[in-house]
Amino acid sequence: MATINLGAIKFKWQGAYNAGTAYTVDDVVSYNGSSYICILASTGNLPTNATYWEQMSSAGTNGTDGTDLTTTLTTQGDIVYRDASGLARLGAGTAGQVLQTGGTGANPSWGTVSSDYVKLAEVTASGGSVSIDGYFSSTYDNYVLIGNDVSPSTLADLGLRLIQGGTQNSSSEYVYAGGRSYVDLSPTHLWTTGPSSDWDNPQDAVYLSGDDHSASATHAGTFYMNIYNPLSTSNWKIFDVDWKYNYTNNWNRVILGGVLKNTGALSGVLLFYNNGANISGNFKIYGIK
């Protein structure tokens, strides 16, 4: 009976091709990313020689049209995209730029986001007052200050003063006028009072609430203020405020316009409660061109 060598009826993996190795039938080697099986014993014949080898698998291409990504992407911050013919490199833009699409049939590019309306700072209040100071500049003409969850530690009225050169203006130069509306929830009624006015009676600050403000965290108020051309030294300072708050289940809204009868440049805004209560809340200031 004939003897069968079971080891001879399976492929024999020999690793990477070596020109000095004697290969026999069914030896399998790797070469340039592809694999080849020996069909005729020999030494020193490359796997690409079809007399001695037969290809088993073929290496794929890197990227598109054989382009290697490590060649396309050359610098930290590069990104790759598909242009009209293949893979292409987009080098890093400058700091602060964003990636923009040109639409169908166009390549992406870096662009600059509009800076016409920009958040300049965010301040969290924790203490007897909150100062939003030092953010006015010649870059913007007008500013918006927004406060959320504004609340006192005890019942108090919200007040504001403008800051000039880092110091709050507490002189009797504030004049303002506006109105207050409120909703009584039990039973439900809408009431409107005003206009309330201190236009002919200058004050040392602008006092917004007109009623005590609830200290409950669930009744925190929302504050919105426009400040116009604060760096001008030619005119009095103009501002307006929209202040919403809750007191004993009555939701109040105060809207007023005010003037600081002073031509000095402003540097910021100070918010406080009239009886020294601590103020809490989150405030953001935006510049508008």
C-alpha atoms as a PDB file:
ATOM      1  CA  MET A   1       0.000   0.000   0.000  1.00  0.00           C
ATOM      2  CA  ALA A   2       1.244   3.457  -0.856  1.00  0.00           C
ATOM      3  CA  THR A   3       2.233   5.774   1.991  1.00  0.00           C
ATOM      4  CA  ILE A   4       0.537   9.172   2.061  1.00  0.00           C
ATOM      5  CA  ASN A   5       2.293  12.089   3.730  1.00  0.00           C
ATOM      6  CA  LEU A   6      -0.577  14.149   5.159  1.00  0.00           C
ATOM      7  CA  GLY A   7       1.740  17.111   5.602  1.00  0.00           C
ATOM      8  CA  ALA A   8       2.238  17.312   1.858  1.00  0.00           C
ATOM      9  CA  ILE A   9      -1.392  17.881   1.005  1.00  0.00           C
ATOM     10  CA  LYS A  10      -1.748  21.223   2.764  1.00  0.00           C
ATOM     11  CA  PHE A  11      -0.240  24.612   2.154  1.00  0.00           C
ATOM     12  CA  LYS A  12       3.025  25.286   3.942  1.00  0.00           C
ATOM     13  CA  TRP A  13       3.362  28.882   5.060  1.00  0.00           C
ATOM     14  CA  GLN A  14       6.967  30.057   4.754  1.00  0.00           C
ATOM     15  CA  GLY A  15       6.576  33.730   5.602  1.00  0.00           C
ATOM     16  CA  ALA A  16       8.183  36.487   3.558  1.00  0.00           C
ATOM     17  CA  TYR A  17       9.961  35.413   0.375  1.00  0.00           C
ATOM     18  CA  ASN A  18      13.724  34.855   0.765  1.00  0.00           C
ATOM     19  CA  ALA A  19      15.874  34.473  -2.359  1.00  0.00           C
ATOM     20  CA  GLY A  20      18.194  32.057  -0.543  1.00  0.00           C
ATOM     21  CA  THR A  21      15.523  29.579   0.481  1.00  0.00           C
ATOM     22  CA  ALA A  22      14.833  26.417  -1.495  1.00  0.00           C
ATOM     23  CA  TYR A  23      11.074  26.292  -2.011  1.00  0.00           C
ATOM     24  CA  THR A  24       9.072  23.201  -2.834  1.00  0.00           C
ATOM     25  CA  VAL A  25       5.598  22.698  -4.235  1.00  0.00           C
ATOM     26  CA  ASP A  26       2.786  24.054  -2.016  1.00  0.00           C
ATOM     27  CA  ASP A  27       5.064  26.433  -0.109  1.00  0.00           C
ATOM     28  CA  VAL A  28       3.317  29.795   0.376  1.00  0.00           C
ATOM     29  CA  VAL A  29       5.142  33.105   0.765  1.00  0.00           C
ATOM     30  CA  SER A  30       4.298  36.793   1.000  1.00  0.00           C
ATOM     31  CA  TYR A  31       5.822  39.286  -1.382  1.00  0.00           C
ATOM     32  CA  ASN A  32       5.054  43.035  -1.753  1.00  0.00           C
ATOM     33  CA  GLY A  33       1.772  42.621   0.093  1.00  0.00           C
ATOM     34  CA  SER A  34       0.531  39.681  -2.002  1.00  0.00           C
ATOM     35  CA  SER A  35       0.774  35.940  -1.382  1.00  0.00           C
ATOM     36  CA  TYR A  36       2.095  33.257  -3.770  1.00  0.00           C
ATOM     37  CA  ILE A  37       2.110  29.443  -3.842  1.00  0.00           C
ATOM     38  CA  CYS A  38       5.039  27.478  -5.215  1.00  0.00           C
ATOM     39  CA  ILE A  39       4.096  25.262  -8.201  1.00  0.00           C
ATOM     40  CA  LEU A  40       7.629  24.179  -9.165  1.00  0.00           C
ATOM     41  CA  ALA A  41      10.517  23.738  -6.758  1.00  0.00           C
ATOM     42  CA  SER A  42      13.313  26.283  -7.155  1.00  0.00           C
ATOM     43  CA  THR A  43      15.650  28.679  -5.416  1.00  0.00           C
ATOM     44  CA  GLY A  44      16.076  32.372  -6.200  1.00  0.00           C
ATOM     45  CA  ASN A  45      13.097  32.814  -8.528  1.00  0.00           C
ATOM     46  CA  LEU A  46      10.875  35.721  -7.571  1.00  0.00           C
ATOM     47  CA  PRO A  47       7.233  34.964  -6.756  1.00  0.00           C
ATOM     48  CA  THR A  48       6.283  37.066  -9.767  1.00  0.00           C
ATOM     49  CA  ASN A  49       7.838  34.400 -11.996  1.00  0.00           C
ATOM     50  CA  ALA A  50       4.784  32.471 -13.191  1.00  0.00           C
ATOM     51  CA  THR A  51       6.890  29.384 -14.033  1.00  0.00           C
ATOM     52  CA  TYR A  52       7.522  28.706 -10.351  1.00  0.00           C
ATOM     53  CA  TRP A  53       4.789  30.579  -8.536  1.00  0.00           C
ATOM     54  CA  GLU A  54       1.076  31.248  -8.738  1.00  0.00           C
ATOM     55  CA  GLN A  55      -0.489  34.257  -7.096  1.00  0.00           C
ATOM     56  CA  MET A  56      -3.029  33.482  -4.341  1.00  0.00           C
ATOM     57  CA  SER A  57      -4.005  36.981  -3.220  1.00  0.00           C
ATOM     58  CA  SER A  58      -3.272  40.522  -4.335  1.00  0.00           C
ATOM     59  CA  ALA A  59      -2.542  43.605  -2.237  1.00  0.00           C
ATOM     60  CA  GLY A  60      -5.103  46.418  -2.536  1.00  0.00           C
ATOM     61  CA  THR A  61      -4.236  50.044  -3.252  1.00  0.00           C
ATOM     62  CA  ASN A  62      -3.915  52.732  -0.581  1.00  0.00           C
ATOM     63  CA  GLY A  63      -6.207  55.699  -1.040  1.00  0.00           C
ATOM     64  CA  THR A  64      -7.405  56.491  -4.547  1.00  0.00           C
ATOM     65  CA  ASP A  65      -5.475  55.630  -7.706  1.00  0.00           C
ATOM     66  CA  GLY A  66      -2.723  54.159  -5.575  1.00  0.00           C
ATOM     67  CA  THR A  67      -2.171  57.365  -3.632  1.00  0.00           C
ATOM     68  CA  ASP A  68      -1.019  56.680  -0.082  1.00  0.00           C
ATOM     69  CA  LEU A  69      -2.763  58.798   2.589  1.00  0.00           C
ATOM     70  CA  THR A  70       0.544  59.275   4.360  1.00  0.00           C
ATOM     71  CA  THR A  71       1.720  61.046   1.207  1.00  0.00           C
ATOM     72  CA  THR A  72      -1.465  63.095   0.815  1.00  0.00           C
ATOM     73  CA  LEU A  73      -1.514  64.199   4.451  1.00  0.00           C
ATOM     74  CA  THR A  74       1.817  65.809   5.183  1.00  0.00           C
ATOM     75  CA  THR A  75       1.307  68.179   8.124  1.00  0.00           C
ATOM     76  CA  GLN A  76      -0.443  68.072  11.502  1.00  0.00           C
ATOM     77  CA  GLY A  77      -3.914  69.545  11.118  1.00  0.00           C
ATOM     78  CA  ASP A  78      -4.356  68.428   7.483  1.00  0.00           C
ATOM     79  CA  ILE A  79      -7.654  66.871   6.460  1.00  0.00           C
ATOM     80  CA  VAL A  80      -8.395  64.802   3.354  1.00  0.00           C
ATOM     81  CA  TYR A  81     -11.360  65.249   1.031  1.00  0.00           C
ATOM     82  CA  ARG A  82     -12.481  64.085  -2.419  1.00  0.00           C
ATOM     83  CA  ASP A  83     -12.023  66.610  -5.201  1.00  0.00           C
ATOM     84  CA  ALA A  84     -13.060  66.183  -8.845  1.00  0.00           C
ATOM     85  CA  SER A  85     -10.403  63.564  -9.531  1.00  0.00           C
ATOM     86  CA  GLY A  86      -9.382  61.869  -6.286  1.00  0.00           C
ATOM     87  CA  LEU A  87      -8.150  62.381  -2.753  1.00  0.00           C
ATOM     88  CA  ALA A  88      -6.880  65.855  -1.962  1.00  0.00           C
ATOM     89  CA  ARG A  89      -5.312  67.622   0.997  1.00  0.00           C
ATOM     90  CA  LEU A  90      -6.737  70.663   2.780  1.00  0.00           C
ATOM     91  CA  GLY A  91      -4.091  72.212   4.987  1.00  0.00           C
ATOM     92  CA  ALA A  92      -4.956  73.561   8.427  1.00  0.00           C
ATOM     93  CA  GLY A  93      -6.611  76.989   8.473  1.00  0.00           C
ATOM     94  CA  THR A  94      -5.760  79.768  10.882  1.00  0.00           C
ATOM     95  CA  ALA A  95      -6.860  79.683  14.537  1.00  0.00           C
ATOM     96  CA  GLY A  96     -10.580  80.286  15.002  1.00  0.00           C
ATOM     97  CA  GLN A  97     -11.590  79.438  11.434  1.00  0.00           C
ATOM     98  CA  VAL A  98     -14.269  76.855  10.660  1.00  0.00           C
ATOM     99  CA  LEU A  99     -14.693  74.344   7.844  1.00  0.00           C
ATOM    100  CA  GLN A 100     -17.156  75.524   5.199  1.00  0.00           C
ATOM    101  CA  THR A 101     -18.748  73.639   2.343  1.00  0.00           C
ATOM    102  CA  GLY A 102     -18.965  75.152  -1.117  1.00  0.00           C
ATOM    103  CA  GLY A 103     -21.984  73.013  -1.938  1.00  0.00           C
ATOM    104  CA  THR A 104     -22.340  70.266  -4.534  1.00  0.00           C
ATOM    105  CA  GLY A 105     -19.490  70.188  -7.036  1.00  0.00           C
ATOM    106  CA  ALA A 106     -17.190  72.404  -4.969  1.00  0.00           C
ATOM    107  CA  ASN A 107     -14.353  71.776  -2.561  1.00  0.00           C
ATOM    108  CA  PRO A 108     -14.487  72.559   1.174  1.00  0.00           C
ATOM    109  CA  SER A 109     -12.479  75.455   2.547  1.00  0.00           C
ATOM    110  CA  TRP A 110     -11.676  77.284   5.763  1.00  0.00           C
ATOM    111  CA  GLY A 111     -13.669  80.410   6.591  1.00  0.00           C
ATOM    112  CA  THR A 112     -14.095  82.956   9.357  1.00  0.00           C
ATOM    113  CA  VAL A 113     -17.261  83.044  11.455  1.00  0.00           C
ATOM    114  CA  SER A 114     -19.052  86.392  11.506  1.00  0.00           C
ATOM    115  CA  SER A 115     -18.066  88.431  14.539  1.00  0.00           C
ATOM    116  CA  ASP A 116     -20.998  90.852  14.395  1.00  0.00           C
ATOM    117  CA  TYR A 117     -22.629  89.331  17.513  1.00  0.00           C
ATOM    118  CA  VAL A 118     -20.203  87.661  19.908  1.00  0.00           C
ATOM    119  CA  LYS A 119     -20.323  86.424  23.494  1.00  0.00           C
ATOM    120  CA  LEU A 120     -17.536  88.211  25.325  1.00  0.00           C
ATOM    121  CA  ALA A 121     -17.796  86.725  28.812  1.00  0.00           C
ATOM    122  CA  GLU A 122     -19.859  84.651  31.225  1.00  0.00           C
ATOM    123  CA  VAL A 123     -19.987  85.530  34.919  1.00  0.00           C
ATOM    124  CA  THR A 124     -21.537  83.600  37.797  1.00  0.00           C
ATOM    125  CA  ALA A 125     -22.783  85.738  40.677  1.00  0.00           C
ATOM    126  CA  SER A 126     -21.991  84.701  44.240  1.00  0.00           C
ATOM    127  CA  GLY A 127     -21.857  87.489  46.798  1.00  0.00           C
ATOM    128  CA  GLY A 128     -23.313  90.861  47.657  1.00  0.00           C
ATOM    129  CA  SER A 129     -23.150  92.075  44.039  1.00  0.00           C
ATOM    130  CA  VAL A 130     -21.991  91.010  40.593  1.00  0.00           C
ATOM    131  CA  SER A 131     -19.686  93.164  38.476  1.00  0.00           C
ATOM    132  CA  ILE A 132     -19.570  92.623  34.713  1.00  0.00           C
ATOM    133  CA  ASP A 133     -16.669  94.941  34.006  1.00  0.00           C
ATOM    134  CA  GLY A 134     -13.828  95.396  31.532  1.00  0.00           C
ATOM    135  CA  TYR A 135     -15.493  93.953  28.409  1.00  0.00           C
ATOM    136  CA  PHE A 136     -16.360  97.142  26.500  1.00  0.00           C
ATOM    137  CA  SER A 137     -14.036  97.964  23.618  1.00  0.00           C
ATOM    138  CA  SER A 138     -13.897  99.878  20.348  1.00  0.00           C
ATOM    139  CA  THR A 139     -14.669  96.629  18.504  1.00  0.00           C
ATOM    140  CA  TYR A 140     -18.403  96.869  19.301  1.00  0.00           C
ATOM    141  CA  ASP A 141     -20.843  99.770  19.394  1.00  0.00           C
ATOM    142  CA  ASN A 142     -23.570  98.190  21.535  1.00  0.00           C
ATOM    143  CA  TYR A 143     -23.825  95.450  24.149  1.00  0.00           C
ATOM    144  CA  VAL A 144     -26.424  93.039  25.530  1.00  0.00           C
ATOM    145  CA  LEU A 145     -26.307  91.679  29.081  1.00  0.00           C
ATOM    146  CA  ILE A 146     -28.447  88.596  29.817  1.00  0.00           C
ATOM    147  CA  GLY A 147     -28.960  87.133  33.290  1.00  0.00           C
ATOM    148  CA  ASN A 148     -30.652  83.813  34.078  1.00  0.00           C
ATOM    149  CA  ASP A 149     -31.826  82.446  37.441  1.00  0.00           C
ATOM    150  CA  VAL A 150     -31.198  85.813  39.099  1.00  0.00           C
ATOM    151  CA  SER A 151     -32.263  85.624  42.733  1.00  0.00           C
ATOM    152  CA  PRO A 152     -31.484  87.156  46.168  1.00  0.00           C
ATOM    153  CA  SER A 153     -30.659  85.346  49.393  1.00  0.00           C
ATOM    154  CA  THR A 154     -33.477  87.243  51.166  1.00  0.00           C
ATOM    155  CA  LEU A 155     -36.395  89.390  49.958  1.00  0.00           C
ATOM    156  CA  ALA A 156     -34.967  92.437  48.188  1.00  0.00           C
ATOM    157  CA  ASP A 157     -35.284  94.770  45.210  1.00  0.00           C
ATOM    158  CA  LEU A 158     -32.866  94.430  42.301  1.00  0.00           C
ATOM    159  CA  GLY A 159     -30.794  97.485  41.462  1.00  0.00           C
ATOM    160  CA  LEU A 160     -28.110  98.378  38.959  1.00  0.00           C
ATOM    161  CA  ARG A 161     -25.378 100.933  38.596  1.00  0.00           C
ATOM    162  CA  LEU A 162     -23.079 101.633  35.684  1.00  0.00           C
ATOM    163  CA  ILE A 163     -19.328 101.336  36.130  1.00  0.00           C
ATOM    164  CA  GLN A 164     -16.897 103.998  34.933  1.00  0.00           C
ATOM    165  CA  GLY A 165     -13.177 103.339  34.990  1.00  0.00           C
ATOM    166  CA  GLY A 166     -13.679 100.271  37.182  1.00  0.00           C
ATOM    167  CA  THR A 167     -15.688 102.161  39.831  1.00  0.00           C
ATOM    168  CA  GLN A 168     -19.479 102.068  40.205  1.00  0.00           C
ATOM    169  CA  ASN A 169     -21.212 105.399  39.697  1.00  0.00           C
ATOM    170  CA  SER A 170     -23.382 105.911  42.824  1.00  0.00           C
ATOM    171  CA  SER A 171     -24.059 109.617  42.307  1.00  0.00           C
ATOM    172  CA  SER A 172     -27.622 110.896  41.827  1.00  0.00           C
ATOM    173  CA  GLU A 173     -27.353 110.970  38.029  1.00  0.00           C
ATOM    174  CA  TYR A 174     -29.728 108.146  37.021  1.00  0.00           C
ATOM    175  CA  VAL A 175     -33.080 109.014  35.493  1.00  0.00           C
ATOM    176  CA  TYR A 176     -35.452 106.406  34.115  1.00  0.00           C
ATOM    177  CA  ALA A 177     -39.062 105.702  33.248  1.00  0.00           C
ATOM    178  CA  GLY A 178     -41.068 102.606  32.453  1.00  0.00           C
ATOM    179  CA  GLY A 179     -43.965 100.418  33.437  1.00  0.00           C
ATOM    180  CA  ARG A 180     -44.664  97.232  35.345  1.00  0.00           C
ATOM    181  CA  SER A 181     -47.176  94.504  34.576  1.00  0.00           C
ATOM    182  CA  TYR A 182     -47.884  91.429  36.650  1.00  0.00           C
ATOM    183  CA  VAL A 183     -50.042  88.324  36.714  1.00  0.00           C
ATOM    184  CA  ASP A 184     -51.821  87.362  39.942  1.00  0.00           C
ATOM    185  CA  LEU A 185     -52.140  83.577  39.791  1.00  0.00           C
ATOM    186  CA  SER A 186     -54.763  83.168  42.496  1.00  0.00           C
ATOM    187  CA  PRO A 187     -57.096  84.065  40.982  1.00  0.00           C
ATOM    188  CA  THR A 188     -55.524  84.827  37.634  1.00  0.00           C
ATOM    189  CA  HIS A 189     -55.531  88.507  36.731  1.00  0.00           C
ATOM    190  CA  LEU A 190     -53.306  90.653  34.565  1.00  0.00           C
ATOM    191  CA  TRP A 191     -52.472  94.002  36.096  1.00  0.00           C
ATOM    192  CA  THR A 192     -50.582  96.895  34.582  1.00  0.00           C
ATOM    193  CA  THR A 193     -49.211  99.829  36.501  1.00  0.00           C
ATOM    194  CA  GLY A 194     -47.260 102.828  35.417  1.00  0.00           C
ATOM    195  CA  PRO A 195     -45.616 104.353  33.884  1.00  0.00           C
ATOM    196  CA  SER A 196     -43.481 104.562  36.996  1.00  0.00           C
ATOM    197  CA  SER A 197     -40.944 107.295  36.626  1.00  0.00           C
ATOM    198  CA  ASP A 198     -37.903 108.801  38.252  1.00  0.00           C
ATOM    199  CA  TRP A 199     -37.302 110.984  35.224  1.00  0.00           C
ATOM    200  CA  ASP A 200     -37.615 114.178  37.220  1.00  0.00           C
ATOM    201  CA  ASN A 201     -36.098 112.749  40.372  1.00  0.00           C
ATOM    202  CA  PRO A 202     -32.512 111.552  39.743  1.00  0.00           C
ATOM    203  CA  GLN A 203     -31.477 108.525  41.790  1.00  0.00           C
ATOM    204  CA  ASP A 204     -28.171 107.006  42.907  1.00  0.00           C
ATOM    205  CA  ALA A 205     -29.051 103.755  41.088  1.00  0.00           C
ATOM    206  CA  VAL A 206     -31.819 102.178  39.028  1.00  0.00           C
ATOM    207  CA  TYR A 207     -34.144 100.106  41.239  1.00  0.00           C
ATOM    208  CA  LEU A 208     -35.997  97.633  39.080  1.00  0.00           C
ATOM    209  CA  SER A 209     -38.395  95.502  41.076  1.00  0.00           C
ATOM    210  CA  GLY A 210     -40.768  97.955  42.674  1.00  0.00           C
ATOM    211  CA  ASP A 211     -41.793  95.068  44.928  1.00  0.00           C
ATOM    212  CA  ASP A 212     -39.819  92.599  47.007  1.00  0.00           C
ATOM    213  CA  HIS A 213     -38.364  89.786  44.974  1.00  0.00           C
ATOM    214  CA  SER A 214     -38.951  86.180  46.051  1.00  0.00           C
ATOM    215  CA  ALA A 215     -35.819  84.464  47.314  1.00  0.00           C
ATOM    216  CA  SER A 216     -37.071  81.042  46.256  1.00  0.00           C
ATOM    217  CA  ALA A 217     -34.759  79.434  43.702  1.00  0.00           C
ATOM    218  CA  THR A 218     -37.780  78.291  41.726  1.00  0.00           C
ATOM    219  CA  HIS A 219     -38.822  81.923  41.385  1.00  0.00           C
ATOM    220  CA  ALA A 220     -35.555  83.277  40.067  1.00  0.00           C
ATOM    221  CA  GLY A 221     -35.813  86.100  37.548  1.00  0.00           C
ATOM    222  CA  THR A 222     -34.581  86.773  34.024  1.00  0.00           C
ATOM    223  CA  PHE A 223     -32.644  89.947  33.266  1.00  0.00           C
ATOM    224  CA  TYR A 224     -32.043  91.560  29.845  1.00  0.00           C
ATOM    225  CA  MET A 225     -30.239  94.859  29.288  1.00  0.00           C
ATOM    226  CA  ASN A 226     -29.153  96.858  26.225  1.00  0.00           C
ATOM    227  CA  ILE A 227     -26.229  99.272  26.609  1.00  0.00           C
ATOM    228  CA  TYR A 228     -25.667 101.739  23.795  1.00  0.00           C
ATOM    229  CA  ASN A 229     -22.290 103.145  22.746  1.00  0.00           C
ATOM    230  CA  PRO A 230     -20.754 102.900  26.243  1.00  0.00           C
ATOM    231  CA  LEU A 231     -17.339 104.302  25.292  1.00  0.00           C
ATOM    232  CA  SER A 232     -18.639 107.580  23.882  1.00  0.00           C
ATOM    233  CA  THR A 233     -17.601 110.686  25.813  1.00  0.00           C
ATOM    234  CA  SER A 234     -19.898 113.014  23.869  1.00  0.00           C
ATOM    235  CA  ASN A 235     -23.309 112.039  25.223  1.00  0.00           C
ATOM    236  CA  TRP A 236     -25.099 110.809  28.321  1.00  0.00           C
ATOM    237  CA  LYS A 237     -25.212 107.030  28.669  1.00  0.00           C
ATOM    238  CA  ILE A 238     -28.397 105.353  27.425  1.00  0.00           C
ATOM    239  CA  PHE A 239     -29.658 101.872  28.368  1.00  0.00           C
ATOM    240  CA  ASP A 240     -32.875  99.887  28.639  1.00  0.00           C
ATOM    241  CA  VAL A 241     -33.869  96.906  30.783  1.00  0.00           C
ATOM    242  CA  ASP A 242     -36.414  94.083  30.652  1.00  0.00           C
ATOM    243  CA  TRP A 243     -36.656  92.387  34.090  1.00  0.00           C
ATOM    244  CA  LYS A 244     -39.003  89.466  34.839  1.00  0.00           C
ATOM    245  CA  TYR A 245     -39.360  88.030  38.345  1.00  0.00           C
ATOM    246  CA  ASN A 246     -41.790  86.369  40.746  1.00  0.00           C
ATOM    247  CA  TYR A 247     -43.095  87.595  44.075  1.00  0.00           C
ATOM    248  CA  THR A 248     -45.615  85.559  46.091  1.00  0.00           C
ATOM    249  CA  ASN A 249     -46.955  83.870  42.961  1.00  0.00           C
ATOM    250  CA  ASN A 250     -47.302  87.166  41.086  1.00  0.00           C
ATOM    251  CA  TRP A 251     -45.212  87.169  37.933  1.00  0.00           C
ATOM    252  CA  ASN A 252     -43.889  90.653  37.311  1.00  0.00           C
ATOM    253  CA  ARG A 253     -42.321  92.311  34.297  1.00  0.00           C
ATOM    254  CA  VAL A 254     -40.581  95.659  34.437  1.00  0.00           C
ATOM    255  CA  ILE A 255     -39.564  97.430  31.226  1.00  0.00           C
ATOM    256  CA  LEU A 256     -37.782 100.746  31.437  1.00  0.00           C
ATOM    257  CA  GLY A 257     -35.439 103.072  29.616  1.00  0.00           C
ATOM    258  CA  GLY A 258     -32.757 104.951  31.476  1.00  0.00           C
ATOM    259  CA  VAL A 259     -30.060 107.560  31.181  1.00  0.00           C
ATOM    260  CA  LEU A 260     -26.955 108.214  33.233  1.00  0.00           C
ATOM    261  CA  LYS A 261     -26.497 111.964  33.104  1.00  0.00           C
ATOM    262  CA  ASN A 262     -22.768 111.642  32.686  1.00  0.00           C
ATOM    263  CA  THR A 263     -20.606 111.670  29.554  1.00  0.00           C
ATOM    264  CA  GLY A 264     -17.771 109.569  30.963  1.00  0.00           C
ATOM    265  CA  ALA A 265     -16.994 106.297  29.184  1.00  0.00           C
ATOM    266  CA  LEU A 266     -18.468 103.165  30.752  1.00  0.00           C
ATOM    267  CA  SER A 267     -16.483 100.055  31.581  1.00  0.00           C
ATOM    268  CA  GLY A 268     -19.250  97.795  32.906  1.00  0.00           C
ATOM    269  CA  VAL A 269     -22.430  97.131  34.890  1.00  0.00           C
ATOM    270  CA  LEU A 270     -22.953  96.354  38.579  1.00  0.00           C
ATOM    271  CA  LEU A 271     -26.055  94.467  39.803  1.00  0.00           C
ATOM    272  CA  PHE A 272     -27.006  94.237  43.482  1.00  0.00           C
ATOM    273  CA  TYR A 273     -29.958  93.957  45.880  1.00  0.00           C
ATOM    274  CA  ASN A 274     -30.956  97.065  47.782  1.00  0.00           C
ATOM    275  CA  ASN A 275     -30.735  95.594  51.305  1.00  0.00           C
ATOM    276  CA  GLY A 276     -27.350  93.938  50.847  1.00  0.00           C
ATOM    277  CA  ALA A 277     -28.764  90.483  50.091  1.00  0.00           C
ATOM    278  CA  ASN A 278     -26.444  88.167  48.194  1.00  0.00           C
ATOM    279  CA  ILE A 279     -27.187  87.838  44.487  1.00  0.00           C
ATOM    280  CA  SER A 280     -26.996  84.585  42.550  1.00  0.00           C
ATOM    281  CA  GLY A 281     -27.373  83.964  38.846  1.00  0.00           C
ATOM    282  CA  ASN A 282     -25.537  83.429  35.585  1.00  0.00           C
ATOM    283  CA  PHE A 283     -24.742  86.403  33.340  1.00  0.00           C
ATOM    284  CA  LYS A 284     -23.487  86.600  29.744  1.00  0.00           C
ATOM    285  CA  ILE A 285     -22.404  89.743  27.934  1.00  0.00           C
ATOM    286  CA  TYR A 286     -22.433  90.054  24.147  1.00  0.00           C
ATOM    287  CA  GLY A 287     -20.899  92.629  21.828  1.00  0.00           C
ATOM    288  CA  ILE A 288     -22.817  93.827  18.754  1.00  0.00           C
ATOM    289  CA  LYS A 289     -21.233  95.688  15.843  1.00  0.00           C
END
